[in-house]
Amino acid sequence: MTPETMTLLAQALGLGLAGIVFGLAYFAVLRRSIDGFLQPGRRRGLAVALTVGRIAAAVLFLWLAAKLGAVALIAALVGFMTARGIALRRNGEVS
């Protein structure tokens, strides 16, 4: 393997792992947002703020991955979707 290939592979693995970590945090915040929307009172304001922050963070994360190239973006997205599957299993949505 050439050094460029090794660098690309290391970048893809790193961004895949970063996608999993980011995705787990994203879905944990999503859970808190949902809980906030279901409770009356001032928690709805926090839920709205968490939702806006969560979406902004996802856009920023994927934009930064895209700046590194297509392989990096795909690796980050695969990691993010892996975290989605983990979050669904944790909540009992998928058997």
Protein backbone atom coordinates (compact mmCIF):
# COMPACT_ATOMS: atom_id res chain seq x y z
CA MET A 1 0.00 0.00 0.00
CA THR A 2 1.12 3.50 -0.75
CA PRO A 3 1.42 6.14 1.95
CA GLU A 4 -1.52 8.02 0.42
CA THR A 5 -3.72 4.94 0.68
CA MET A 6 -2.69 4.38 4.29
CA THR A 7 -3.44 8.02 5.10
CA LEU A 8 -6.85 7.77 3.46
CA LEU A 9 -7.62 4.54 5.31
CA ALA A 10 -6.54 6.03 8.65
CA GLN A 11 -8.66 9.11 7.98
CA ALA A 12 -11.68 6.98 7.11
CA LEU A 13 -11.30 4.85 10.24
CA GLY A 14 -10.84 7.92 12.40
CA LEU A 15 -13.88 9.66 10.99
CA GLY A 16 -15.93 6.49 11.24
CA LEU A 17 -15.12 6.31 14.94
CA ALA A 18 -15.78 10.04 15.32
CA GLY A 19 -19.13 9.50 13.59
CA ILE A 20 -20.07 6.82 16.13
CA VAL A 21 -19.08 9.01 19.08
CA PHE A 22 -20.84 12.05 17.64
CA GLY A 23 -23.90 9.98 16.76
CA LEU A 24 -24.20 8.55 20.27
CA ALA A 25 -24.06 12.07 21.71
CA TYR A 26 -26.54 13.30 19.07
CA PHE A 27 -29.09 10.61 19.89
CA ALA A 28 -28.65 11.11 23.65
CA VAL A 29 -29.47 14.81 23.17
CA LEU A 30 -32.39 13.84 20.92
CA ARG A 31 -33.76 11.71 23.76
CA ARG A 32 -33.49 14.64 26.18
CA SER A 33 -35.19 16.91 23.65
CA ILE A 34 -38.10 14.52 23.30
CA ASP A 35 -38.45 14.27 27.07
CA GLY A 36 -38.44 18.07 27.28
CA PHE A 37 -41.17 18.42 24.68
CA LEU A 38 -43.36 15.92 26.51
CA GLN A 39 -43.16 17.83 29.80
CA PRO A 40 -45.08 21.07 30.17
CA GLY A 41 -43.52 24.31 31.29
CA ARG A 42 -40.09 25.76 30.87
CA ARG A 43 -38.52 22.50 29.72
CA ARG A 44 -39.93 23.16 26.26
CA GLY A 45 -37.60 26.12 25.84
CA LEU A 46 -34.66 23.88 26.72
CA ALA A 47 -35.94 21.25 24.30
CA VAL A 48 -36.08 23.79 21.49
CA ALA A 49 -32.55 24.98 22.28
CA LEU A 50 -31.29 21.39 22.36
CA THR A 51 -32.96 20.69 19.02
CA VAL A 52 -31.43 23.73 17.33
CA GLY A 53 -28.01 22.96 18.81
CA ARG A 54 -28.24 19.28 17.84
CA ILE A 55 -29.08 20.06 14.23
CA ALA A 56 -26.41 22.77 14.01
CA ALA A 57 -23.80 20.39 15.43
CA ALA A 58 -24.77 17.68 12.92
CA VAL A 59 -24.52 20.11 10.01
CA LEU A 60 -21.13 21.34 11.23
CA PHE A 61 -19.79 17.81 11.79
CA LEU A 62 -20.85 16.58 8.35
CA TRP A 63 -19.68 19.79 6.67
CA LEU A 64 -16.24 19.41 8.21
CA ALA A 65 -16.13 15.78 7.08
CA ALA A 66 -17.15 16.85 3.57
CA LYS A 67 -14.31 19.38 3.49
CA LEU A 68 -11.93 16.42 3.92
CA GLY A 69 -13.36 14.61 0.91
CA ALA A 70 -15.93 12.05 -0.16
CA VAL A 71 -14.34 9.11 1.64
CA ALA A 72 -14.23 11.06 4.90
CA LEU A 73 -17.86 12.13 4.53
CA ILE A 74 -19.02 8.60 3.81
CA ALA A 75 -17.02 7.23 6.76
CA ALA A 76 -18.49 9.85 9.11
CA LEU A 77 -22.00 9.11 7.86
CA VAL A 78 -21.53 5.36 8.25
CA GLY A 79 -20.35 5.93 11.82
CA PHE A 80 -23.32 8.20 12.50
CA MET A 81 -25.77 5.63 11.14
CA THR A 82 -24.09 2.90 13.20
CA ALA A 83 -24.72 5.03 16.28
CA ARG A 84 -28.36 5.32 15.18
CA GLY A 85 -28.65 1.55 15.19
CA ILE A 86 -27.05 1.37 18.64
CA ALA A 87 -29.45 4.02 19.96
CA LEU A 88 -32.45 2.18 18.53
CA ARG A 89 -31.34 -1.08 20.13
CA ARG A 90 -30.79 0.63 23.48
CA ASN A 91 -34.35 1.94 23.44
CA GLY A 92 -35.80 -1.40 22.40
CA GLU A 93 -36.99 -0.16 19.01
CA VAL A 94 -35.17 -2.89 17.10
CA SER A 95 -34.95 -6.53 18.11
